[in-house]
Amino acid sequence: LFVAALPPIMREAGVTRSEIGYLSLWFLPLLLKFFW
């Protein structure tokens, strides 16, 4: 839902491509989960 549905929905609603690129921050916990 987060990585496949929301980006095109937000793009159609007028969100810029650069802002959509920032959605990749969602991956941050997946990158750091080795800490816990």
PDB file of all heavy atoms in Angstrom:
ATOM      1  N   LEU A   1       0.853  -1.183   0.000  1.00  0.00           N
ATOM      2  CA  LEU A   1       0.000   0.000   0.000  1.00  0.00           C
ATOM      3  C   LEU A   1       0.891   1.236   0.000  1.00  0.00           C
ATOM      4  O   LEU A   1       0.668   2.179  -0.769  1.00  0.00           O
ATOM      5  CB  LEU A   1      -0.905   0.011   1.232  1.00  0.00           C
ATOM      6  CG  LEU A   1      -1.737   1.292   1.383  1.00  0.00           C
ATOM      7  CD1 LEU A   1      -2.853   1.344   0.344  1.00  0.00           C
ATOM      8  CD2 LEU A   1      -2.304   1.415   2.786  1.00  0.00           C
ATOM      9  N   PHE A   2       1.932   1.231   0.845  1.00  0.00           N
ATOM     10  CA  PHE A   2       2.828   2.377   0.956  1.00  0.00           C
ATOM     11  C   PHE A   2       3.679   2.559  -0.302  1.00  0.00           C
ATOM     12  O   PHE A   2       3.785   3.672  -0.824  1.00  0.00           O
ATOM     13  CB  PHE A   2       3.747   2.218   2.176  1.00  0.00           C
ATOM     14  CG  PHE A   2       3.083   2.522   3.488  1.00  0.00           C
ATOM     15  CD1 PHE A   2       2.953   1.542   4.461  1.00  0.00           C
ATOM     16  CD2 PHE A   2       2.590   3.784   3.760  1.00  0.00           C
ATOM     17  CE1 PHE A   2       2.339   1.821   5.680  1.00  0.00           C
ATOM     18  CE2 PHE A   2       1.972   4.076   4.968  1.00  0.00           C
ATOM     19  CZ  PHE A   2       1.849   3.089   5.933  1.00  0.00           C
ATOM     20  N   VAL A   3       4.289   1.498  -0.810  1.00  0.00           N
ATOM     21  CA  VAL A   3       5.286   1.673  -1.868  1.00  0.00           C
ATOM     22  C   VAL A   3       4.716   1.559  -3.278  1.00  0.00           C
ATOM     23  O   VAL A   3       5.326   2.062  -4.227  1.00  0.00           O
ATOM     24  CB  VAL A   3       6.442   0.658  -1.711  1.00  0.00           C
ATOM     25  CG1 VAL A   3       7.086   0.782  -0.346  1.00  0.00           C
ATOM     26  CG2 VAL A   3       5.987  -0.774  -1.954  1.00  0.00           C
ATOM     27  N   ALA A   4       3.546   0.913  -3.449  1.00  0.00           N
ATOM     28  CA  ALA A   4       3.005   0.732  -4.793  1.00  0.00           C
ATOM     29  C   ALA A   4       1.772   1.579  -5.063  1.00  0.00           C
ATOM     30  O   ALA A   4       1.594   2.090  -6.169  1.00  0.00           O
ATOM     31  CB  ALA A   4       2.670  -0.753  -5.030  1.00  0.00           C
ATOM     32  N   ALA A   5       0.890   1.747  -4.073  1.00  0.00           N
ATOM     33  CA  ALA A   5      -0.362   2.477  -4.301  1.00  0.00           C
ATOM     34  C   ALA A   5      -0.227   3.968  -4.013  1.00  0.00           C
ATOM     35  O   ALA A   5      -0.670   4.805  -4.808  1.00  0.00           O
ATOM     36  CB  ALA A   5      -1.478   1.865  -3.456  1.00  0.00           C
ATOM     37  N   LEU A   6       0.365   4.340  -2.881  1.00  0.00           N
ATOM     38  CA  LEU A   6       0.380   5.740  -2.486  1.00  0.00           C
ATOM     39  C   LEU A   6       1.182   6.653  -3.424  1.00  0.00           C
ATOM     40  O   LEU A   6       0.735   7.777  -3.706  1.00  0.00           O
ATOM     41  CB  LEU A   6       0.889   5.883  -1.047  1.00  0.00           C
ATOM     42  CG  LEU A   6      -0.013   5.297   0.046  1.00  0.00           C
ATOM     43  CD1 LEU A   6       0.491   5.706   1.427  1.00  0.00           C
ATOM     44  CD2 LEU A   6      -1.461   5.743  -0.124  1.00  0.00           C
ATOM     45  N   PRO A   7       2.369   6.252  -3.936  1.00  0.00           N
ATOM     46  CA  PRO A   7       3.095   7.176  -4.824  1.00  0.00           C
ATOM     47  C   PRO A   7       2.305   7.621  -6.057  1.00  0.00           C
ATOM     48  O   PRO A   7       2.216   8.835  -6.306  1.00  0.00           O
ATOM     49  CB  PRO A   7       4.361   6.378  -5.192  1.00  0.00           C
ATOM     50  CG  PRO A   7       4.583   5.492  -4.016  1.00  0.00           C
ATOM     51  CD  PRO A   7       3.203   5.080  -3.584  1.00  0.00           C
ATOM     52  N   PRO A   8       1.695   6.731  -6.859  1.00  0.00           N
ATOM     53  CA  PRO A   8       0.913   7.234  -7.992  1.00  0.00           C
ATOM     54  C   PRO A   8      -0.340   8.006  -7.569  1.00  0.00           C
ATOM     55  O   PRO A   8      -0.754   8.946  -8.249  1.00  0.00           O
ATOM     56  CB  PRO A   8       0.556   5.971  -8.781  1.00  0.00           C
ATOM     57  CG  PRO A   8       0.748   4.835  -7.854  1.00  0.00           C
ATOM     58  CD  PRO A   8       1.817   5.266  -6.907  1.00  0.00           C
ATOM     59  N   ILE A   9      -0.949   7.622  -6.444  1.00  0.00           N
ATOM     60  CA  ILE A   9      -2.106   8.376  -5.940  1.00  0.00           C
ATOM     61  C   ILE A   9      -1.679   9.810  -5.611  1.00  0.00           C
ATOM     62  O   ILE A   9      -2.359  10.792  -5.973  1.00  0.00           O
ATOM     63  CB  ILE A   9      -2.702   7.686  -4.695  1.00  0.00           C
ATOM     64  CG1 ILE A   9      -3.434   6.396  -5.094  1.00  0.00           C
ATOM     65  CG2 ILE A   9      -3.658   8.622  -3.953  1.00  0.00           C
ATOM     66  CD1 ILE A   9      -3.895   5.563  -3.911  1.00  0.00           C
ATOM     67  N   MET A  10      -0.552   9.951  -4.946  1.00  0.00           N
ATOM     68  CA  MET A  10      -0.067  11.275  -4.576  1.00  0.00           C
ATOM     69  C   MET A  10       0.370  12.070  -5.798  1.00  0.00           C
ATOM     70  O   MET A  10       0.177  13.288  -5.857  1.00  0.00           O
ATOM     71  CB  MET A  10       1.071  11.129  -3.561  1.00  0.00           C
ATOM     72  CG  MET A  10       0.633  10.514  -2.237  1.00  0.00           C
ATOM     73  SD  MET A  10       2.008  10.091  -1.140  1.00  0.00           S
ATOM     74  CE  MET A  10       2.554  11.721  -0.649  1.00  0.00           C
ATOM     75  N   ARG A  11       0.960  11.389  -6.780  1.00  0.00           N
ATOM     76  CA  ARG A  11       1.373  12.079  -8.008  1.00  0.00           C
ATOM     77  C   ARG A  11       0.152  12.632  -8.737  1.00  0.00           C
ATOM     78  O   ARG A  11       0.175  13.780  -9.204  1.00  0.00           O
ATOM     79  CB  ARG A  11       2.134  11.110  -8.917  1.00  0.00           C
ATOM     80  CG  ARG A  11       2.602  11.715 -10.242  1.00  0.00           C
ATOM     81  CD  ARG A  11       3.543  12.877 -10.026  1.00  0.00           C
ATOM     82  NE  ARG A  11       4.055  13.404 -11.280  1.00  0.00           N
ATOM     83  CZ  ARG A  11       4.652  14.566 -11.426  1.00  0.00           C
ATOM     84  NH1 ARG A  11       4.818  15.352 -10.367  1.00  0.00           N
ATOM     85  NH2 ARG A  11       5.077  14.980 -12.600  1.00  0.00           N
ATOM     86  N   GLU A  12      -0.912  11.857  -8.826  1.00  0.00           N
ATOM     87  CA  GLU A  12      -2.130  12.320  -9.480  1.00  0.00           C
ATOM     88  C   GLU A  12      -2.742  13.497  -8.717  1.00  0.00           C
ATOM     89  O   GLU A  12      -3.375  14.385  -9.316  1.00  0.00           O
ATOM     90  CB  GLU A  12      -3.149  11.194  -9.588  1.00  0.00           C
ATOM     91  CG  GLU A  12      -4.381  11.573 -10.415  1.00  0.00           C
ATOM     92  CD  GLU A  12      -5.437  10.491 -10.423  1.00  0.00           C
ATOM     93  OE1 GLU A  12      -5.957  10.157  -9.342  1.00  0.00           O
ATOM     94  OE2 GLU A  12      -5.741   9.984 -11.505  1.00  0.00           O
ATOM     95  N   ALA A  13      -2.553  13.516  -7.394  1.00  0.00           N
ATOM     96  CA  ALA A  13      -3.096  14.602  -6.579  1.00  0.00           C
ATOM     97  C   ALA A  13      -2.248  15.861  -6.641  1.00  0.00           C
ATOM     98  O   ALA A  13      -2.601  16.870  -6.014  1.00  0.00           O
ATOM     99  CB  ALA A  13      -3.228  14.134  -5.127  1.00  0.00           C
ATOM    100  N   GLY A  14      -1.119  15.819  -7.378  1.00  0.00           N
ATOM    101  CA  GLY A  14      -0.317  17.016  -7.580  1.00  0.00           C
ATOM    102  C   GLY A  14       0.981  17.073  -6.810  1.00  0.00           C
ATOM    103  O   GLY A  14       1.692  18.080  -6.866  1.00  0.00           O
ATOM    104  N   VAL A  15       1.350  16.020  -6.098  1.00  0.00           N
ATOM    105  CA  VAL A  15       2.611  15.997  -5.365  1.00  0.00           C
ATOM    106  C   VAL A  15       3.764  15.896  -6.358  1.00  0.00           C
ATOM    107  O   VAL A  15       3.696  15.161  -7.344  1.00  0.00           O
ATOM    108  CB  VAL A  15       2.640  14.804  -4.380  1.00  0.00           C
ATOM    109  CG1 VAL A  15       3.978  14.741  -3.655  1.00  0.00           C
ATOM    110  CG2 VAL A  15       1.499  14.929  -3.380  1.00  0.00           C
ATOM    111  N   THR A  16       4.856  16.654  -6.121  1.00  0.00           N
ATOM    112  CA  THR A  16       5.975  16.678  -7.056  1.00  0.00           C
ATOM    113  C   THR A  16       6.774  15.386  -7.010  1.00  0.00           C
ATOM    114  O   THR A  16       6.724  14.626  -6.030  1.00  0.00           O
ATOM    115  CB  THR A  16       6.927  17.845  -6.745  1.00  0.00           C
ATOM    116  OG1 THR A  16       7.575  17.595  -5.483  1.00  0.00           O
ATOM    117  CG2 THR A  16       6.182  19.163  -6.690  1.00  0.00           C
ATOM    118  N   ARG A  17       7.552  15.153  -8.075  1.00  0.00           N
ATOM    119  CA  ARG A  17       8.378  13.949  -8.134  1.00  0.00           C
ATOM    120  C   ARG A  17       9.444  13.949  -7.047  1.00  0.00           C
ATOM    121  O   ARG A  17       9.778  12.898  -6.483  1.00  0.00           O
ATOM    122  CB  ARG A  17       9.017  13.820  -9.524  1.00  0.00           C
ATOM    123  CG  ARG A  17       8.028  13.483 -10.618  1.00  0.00           C
ATOM    124  CD  ARG A  17       8.678  13.404 -11.979  1.00  0.00           C
ATOM    125  NE  ARG A  17       9.245  14.686 -12.398  1.00  0.00           N
ATOM    126  CZ  ARG A  17       9.753  14.916 -13.612  1.00  0.00           C
ATOM    127  NH1 ARG A  17       9.775  13.952 -14.512  1.00  0.00           N
ATOM    128  NH2 ARG A  17      10.258  16.097 -13.922  1.00  0.00           N
ATOM    129  N   SER A  18      10.013  15.111  -6.740  1.00  0.00           N
ATOM    130  CA  SER A  18      11.020  15.174  -5.679  1.00  0.00           C
ATOM    131  C   SER A  18      10.422  14.785  -4.335  1.00  0.00           C
ATOM    132  O   SER A  18      11.044  14.055  -3.547  1.00  0.00           O
ATOM    133  CB  SER A  18      11.611  16.585  -5.598  1.00  0.00           C
ATOM    134  OG  SER A  18      12.345  16.893  -6.766  1.00  0.00           O
ATOM    135  N   GLU A  19       9.207  15.260  -4.041  1.00  0.00           N
ATOM    136  CA  GLU A  19       8.549  14.890  -2.787  1.00  0.00           C
ATOM    137  C   GLU A  19       8.224  13.402  -2.759  1.00  0.00           C
ATOM    138  O   GLU A  19       8.352  12.758  -1.707  1.00  0.00           O
ATOM    139  CB  GLU A  19       7.270  15.715  -2.613  1.00  0.00           C
ATOM    140  CG  GLU A  19       7.521  17.180  -2.276  1.00  0.00           C
ATOM    141  CD  GLU A  19       6.237  17.978  -2.196  1.00  0.00           C
ATOM    142  OE1 GLU A  19       5.388  17.860  -3.105  1.00  0.00           O
ATOM    143  OE2 GLU A  19       6.079  18.736  -1.216  1.00  0.00           O
ATOM    144  N   ILE A  20       7.820  12.852  -3.906  1.00  0.00           N
ATOM    145  CA  ILE A  20       7.550  11.418  -3.972  1.00  0.00           C
ATOM    146  C   ILE A  20       8.840  10.634  -3.712  1.00  0.00           C
ATOM    147  O   ILE A  20       8.826   9.582  -3.075  1.00  0.00           O
ATOM    148  CB  ILE A  20       6.933  11.047  -5.325  1.00  0.00           C
ATOM    149  CG1 ILE A  20       5.503  11.594  -5.405  1.00  0.00           C
ATOM    150  CG2 ILE A  20       6.932   9.526  -5.539  1.00  0.00           C
ATOM    151  CD1 ILE A  20       4.848  11.431  -6.749  1.00  0.00           C
ATOM    152  N   GLY A  21       9.962  11.159  -4.197  1.00  0.00           N
ATOM    153  CA  GLY A  21      11.246  10.509  -3.920  1.00  0.00           C
ATOM    154  C   GLY A  21      11.545  10.442  -2.437  1.00  0.00           C
ATOM    155  O   GLY A  21      12.143   9.477  -1.961  1.00  0.00           O
ATOM    156  N   TYR A  22      11.071  11.451  -1.664  1.00  0.00           N
ATOM    157  CA  TYR A  22      11.295  11.456  -0.219  1.00  0.00           C
ATOM    158  C   TYR A  22      10.497  10.364   0.498  1.00  0.00           C
ATOM    159  O   TYR A  22      10.790  10.041   1.651  1.00  0.00           O
ATOM    160  CB  TYR A  22      10.927  12.813   0.374  1.00  0.00           C
ATOM    161  CG  TYR A  22      11.795  13.949  -0.111  1.00  0.00           C
ATOM    162  CD1 TYR A  22      11.256  15.216  -0.326  1.00  0.00           C
ATOM    163  CD2 TYR A  22      13.146  13.753  -0.375  1.00  0.00           C
ATOM    164  CE1 TYR A  22      12.046  16.266  -0.778  1.00  0.00           C
ATOM    165  CE2 TYR A  22      13.945  14.791  -0.827  1.00  0.00           C
ATOM    166  CZ  TYR A  22      13.392  16.048  -1.035  1.00  0.00           C
ATOM    167  OH  TYR A  22      14.170  17.070  -1.491  1.00  0.00           O
ATOM    168  N   LEU A  23       9.498   9.808  -0.178  1.00  0.00           N
ATOM    169  CA  LEU A  23       8.762   8.704   0.429  1.00  0.00           C
ATOM    170  C   LEU A  23       9.667   7.508   0.702  1.00  0.00           C
ATOM    171  O   LEU A  23       9.323   6.627   1.487  1.00  0.00           O
ATOM    172  CB  LEU A  23       7.603   8.272  -0.468  1.00  0.00           C
ATOM    173  CG  LEU A  23       6.506   9.302  -0.741  1.00  0.00           C
ATOM    174  CD1 LEU A  23       5.438   8.715  -1.649  1.00  0.00           C
ATOM    175  CD2 LEU A  23       5.888   9.798   0.551  1.00  0.00           C
ATOM    176  N   SER A  24      10.826   7.479   0.052  1.00  0.00           N
ATOM    177  CA  SER A  24      11.775   6.401   0.296  1.00  0.00           C
ATOM    178  C   SER A  24      12.293   6.409   1.736  1.00  0.00           C
ATOM    179  O   SER A  24      12.941   5.442   2.154  1.00  0.00           O
ATOM    180  CB  SER A  24      12.949   6.501  -0.680  1.00  0.00           C
ATOM    181  OG  SER A  24      12.507   6.347  -2.006  1.00  0.00           O
ATOM    182  N   LEU A  25      12.026   7.487   2.480  1.00  0.00           N
ATOM    183  CA  LEU A  25      12.354   7.482   3.912  1.00  0.00           C
ATOM    184  C   LEU A  25      11.656   6.346   4.642  1.00  0.00           C
ATOM    185  O   LEU A  25      12.081   5.937   5.721  1.00  0.00           O
ATOM    186  CB  LEU A  25      11.970   8.827   4.541  1.00  0.00           C
ATOM    187  CG  LEU A  25      12.865  10.023   4.200  1.00  0.00           C
ATOM    188  CD1 LEU A  25      12.223  11.317   4.659  1.00  0.00           C
ATOM    189  CD2 LEU A  25      14.243   9.857   4.837  1.00  0.00           C
ATOM    190  N   TRP A  26      10.566   5.834   4.046  1.00  0.00           N
ATOM    191  CA  TRP A  26       9.892   4.679   4.636  1.00  0.00           C
ATOM    192  C   TRP A  26      10.836   3.507   4.814  1.00  0.00           C
ATOM    193  O   TRP A  26      10.630   2.646   5.670  1.00  0.00           O
ATOM    194  CB  TRP A  26       8.727   4.247   3.743  1.00  0.00           C
ATOM    195  CG  TRP A  26       7.575   5.195   3.729  1.00  0.00           C
ATOM    196  CD1 TRP A  26       7.221   6.094   4.689  1.00  0.00           C
ATOM    197  CD2 TRP A  26       6.599   5.335   2.684  1.00  0.00           C
ATOM    198  NE1 TRP A  26       6.101   6.782   4.310  1.00  0.00           N
ATOM    199  CE2 TRP A  26       5.697   6.338   3.090  1.00  0.00           C
ATOM    200  CE3 TRP A  26       6.403   4.707   1.460  1.00  0.00           C
ATOM    201  CZ2 TRP A  26       4.611   6.730   2.298  1.00  0.00           C
ATOM    202  CZ3 TRP A  26       5.324   5.096   0.677  1.00  0.00           C
ATOM    203  CH2 TRP A  26       4.438   6.103   1.099  1.00  0.00           C
ATOM    204  N   PHE A  27      11.869   3.435   3.974  1.00  0.00           N
ATOM    205  CA  PHE A  27      12.788   2.307   4.031  1.00  0.00           C
ATOM    206  C   PHE A  27      13.775   2.417   5.192  1.00  0.00           C
ATOM    207  O   PHE A  27      14.500   1.465   5.474  1.00  0.00           O
ATOM    208  CB  PHE A  27      13.583   2.194   2.721  1.00  0.00           C
ATOM    209  CG  PHE A  27      12.771   1.746   1.550  1.00  0.00           C
ATOM    210  CD1 PHE A  27      12.420   2.636   0.550  1.00  0.00           C
ATOM    211  CD2 PHE A  27      12.358   0.429   1.437  1.00  0.00           C
ATOM    212  CE1 PHE A  27      11.667   2.227  -0.539  1.00  0.00           C
ATOM    213  CE2 PHE A  27      11.602   0.016   0.361  1.00  0.00           C
ATOM    214  CZ  PHE A  27      11.251   0.910  -0.633  1.00  0.00           C
ATOM    215  N   LEU A  28      13.827   3.580   5.855  1.00  0.00           N
ATOM    216  CA  LEU A  28      14.835   3.795   6.885  1.00  0.00           C
ATOM    217  C   LEU A  28      14.816   2.727   7.978  1.00  0.00           C
ATOM    218  O   LEU A  28      15.874   2.179   8.328  1.00  0.00           O
ATOM    219  CB  LEU A  28      14.681   5.199   7.474  1.00  0.00           C
ATOM    220  CG  LEU A  28      15.839   5.722   8.311  1.00  0.00           C
ATOM    221  CD1 LEU A  28      17.129   5.726   7.512  1.00  0.00           C
ATOM    222  CD2 LEU A  28      15.527   7.126   8.823  1.00  0.00           C
ATOM    223  N   PRO A  29      13.648   2.395   8.594  1.00  0.00           N
ATOM    224  CA  PRO A  29      13.666   1.324   9.595  1.00  0.00           C
ATOM    225  C   PRO A  29      14.121  -0.020   9.029  1.00  0.00           C
ATOM    226  O   PRO A  29      14.763  -0.800   9.748  1.00  0.00           O
ATOM    227  CB  PRO A  29      12.195   1.252  10.059  1.00  0.00           C
ATOM    228  CG  PRO A  29      11.646   2.609   9.780  1.00  0.00           C
ATOM    229  CD  PRO A  29      12.312   3.033   8.495  1.00  0.00           C
ATOM    230  N   LEU A  30      13.818  -0.286   7.763  1.00  0.00           N
ATOM    231  CA  LEU A  30      14.265  -1.543   7.154  1.00  0.00           C
ATOM    232  C   LEU A  30      15.778  -1.574   7.013  1.00  0.00           C
ATOM    233  O   LEU A  30      16.390  -2.645   7.053  1.00  0.00           O
ATOM    234  CB  LEU A  30      13.606  -1.726   5.785  1.00  0.00           C
ATOM    235  CG  LEU A  30      12.083  -1.878   5.799  1.00  0.00           C
ATOM    236  CD1 LEU A  30      11.546  -1.919   4.371  1.00  0.00           C
ATOM    237  CD2 LEU A  30      11.669  -3.140   6.539  1.00  0.00           C
ATOM    238  N   LEU A  31      16.393  -0.408   6.852  1.00  0.00           N
ATOM    239  CA  LEU A  31      17.848  -0.345   6.749  1.00  0.00           C
ATOM    240  C   LEU A  31      18.525  -0.481   8.105  1.00  0.00           C
ATOM    241  O   LEU A  31      19.624  -1.018   8.203  1.00  0.00           O
ATOM    242  CB  LEU A  31      18.268   0.997   6.126  1.00  0.00           C
ATOM    243  CG  LEU A  31      17.773   1.316   4.724  1.00  0.00           C
ATOM    244  CD1 LEU A  31      18.263   2.688   4.299  1.00  0.00           C
ATOM    245  CD2 LEU A  31      18.227   0.263   3.733  1.00  0.00           C
ATOM    246  N   LEU A  32      17.873   0.007   9.144  1.00  0.00           N
ATOM    247  CA  LEU A  32      18.496   0.076  10.467  1.00  0.00           C
ATOM    248  C   LEU A  32      18.062  -1.036  11.410  1.00  0.00           C
ATOM    249  O   LEU A  32      18.514  -1.081  12.552  1.00  0.00           O
ATOM    250  CB  LEU A  32      18.171   1.433  11.114  1.00  0.00           C
ATOM    251  CG  LEU A  32      18.636   2.666  10.335  1.00  0.00           C
ATOM    252  CD1 LEU A  32      18.193   3.942  11.057  1.00  0.00           C
ATOM    253  CD2 LEU A  32      20.145   2.662  10.149  1.00  0.00           C
ATOM    254  N   LYS A  33      17.200  -1.931  10.958  1.00  0.00           N
ATOM    255  CA  LYS A  33      16.626  -2.925  11.869  1.00  0.00           C
ATOM    256  C   LYS A  33      17.651  -3.902  12.423  1.00  0.00           C
ATOM    257  O   LYS A  33      17.382  -4.570  13.425  1.00  0.00           O
ATOM    258  CB  LYS A  33      15.498  -3.701  11.176  1.00  0.00           C
ATOM    259  CG  LYS A  33      15.940  -4.518   9.974  1.00  0.00           C
ATOM    260  CD  LYS A  33      14.744  -5.186   9.303  1.00  0.00           C
ATOM    261  CE  LYS A  33      15.190  -5.992   8.084  1.00  0.00           C
ATOM    262  NZ  LYS A  33      14.064  -6.665   7.427  1.00  0.00           N
ATOM    263  N   PHE A  34      18.849  -3.957  11.816  1.00  0.00           N
ATOM    264  CA  PHE A  34      19.873  -4.859  12.374  1.00  0.00           C
ATOM    265  C   PHE A  34      20.309  -4.398  13.764  1.00  0.00           C
ATOM    266  O   PHE A  34      20.858  -5.191  14.537  1.00  0.00           O
ATOM    267  CB  PHE A  34      21.072  -4.961  11.428  1.00  0.00           C
ATOM    268  CG  PHE A  34      21.816  -3.673  11.196  1.00  0.00           C
ATOM    269  CD1 PHE A  34      22.844  -3.289  12.029  1.00  0.00           C
ATOM    270  CD2 PHE A  34      21.493  -2.847  10.134  1.00  0.00           C
ATOM    271  CE1 PHE A  34      23.531  -2.109  11.819  1.00  0.00           C
ATOM    272  CE2 PHE A  34      22.168  -1.665   9.901  1.00  0.00           C
ATOM    273  CZ  PHE A  34      23.192  -1.293  10.753  1.00  0.00           C
ATOM    274  N   PHE A  35      20.056  -3.108  14.094  1.00  0.00           N
ATOM    275  CA  PHE A  35      20.428  -2.627  15.430  1.00  0.00           C
ATOM    276  C   PHE A  35      19.597  -3.300  16.516  1.00  0.00           C
ATOM    277  O   PHE A  35      20.101  -3.548  17.611  1.00  0.00           O
ATOM    278  CB  PHE A  35      20.245  -1.102  15.514  1.00  0.00           C
ATOM    279  CG  PHE A  35      21.346  -0.315  14.868  1.00  0.00           C
ATOM    280  CD1 PHE A  35      21.087   0.499  13.777  1.00  0.00           C
ATOM    281  CD2 PHE A  35      22.651  -0.382  15.335  1.00  0.00           C
ATOM    282  CE1 PHE A  35      22.094   1.238  13.179  1.00  0.00           C
ATOM    283  CE2 PHE A  35      23.665   0.341  14.744  1.00  0.00           C
ATOM    284  CZ  PHE A  35      23.382   1.155  13.657  1.00  0.00           C
ATOM    285  N   TRP A  36      18.297  -3.541  16.234  1.00  0.00           N
ATOM    286  CA  TRP A  36      17.459  -4.163  17.267  1.00  0.00           C
ATOM    287  C   TRP A  36      17.128  -5.630  16.966  1.00  0.00           C
ATOM    288  O   TRP A  36      16.389  -6.265  17.700  1.00  0.00           O
ATOM    289  CB  TRP A  36      16.189  -3.353  17.512  1.00  0.00           C
ATOM    290  CG  TRP A  36      15.242  -3.205  16.359  1.00  0.00           C
ATOM    291  CD1 TRP A  36      14.202  -4.023  16.036  1.00  0.00           C
ATOM    292  CD2 TRP A  36      15.223  -2.159  15.386  1.00  0.00           C
ATOM    293  NE1 TRP A  36      13.549  -3.563  14.917  1.00  0.00           N
ATOM    294  CE2 TRP A  36      14.156  -2.404  14.500  1.00  0.00           C
ATOM    295  CE3 TRP A  36      16.009  -1.017  15.168  1.00  0.00           C
ATOM    296  CZ2 TRP A  36      13.854  -1.579  13.425  1.00  0.00           C
ATOM    297  CZ3 TRP A  36      15.708  -0.195  14.096  1.00  0.00           C
ATOM    298  CH2 TRP A  36      14.642  -0.474  13.248  1.00  0.00           C
TER     299      TRP A  36
END
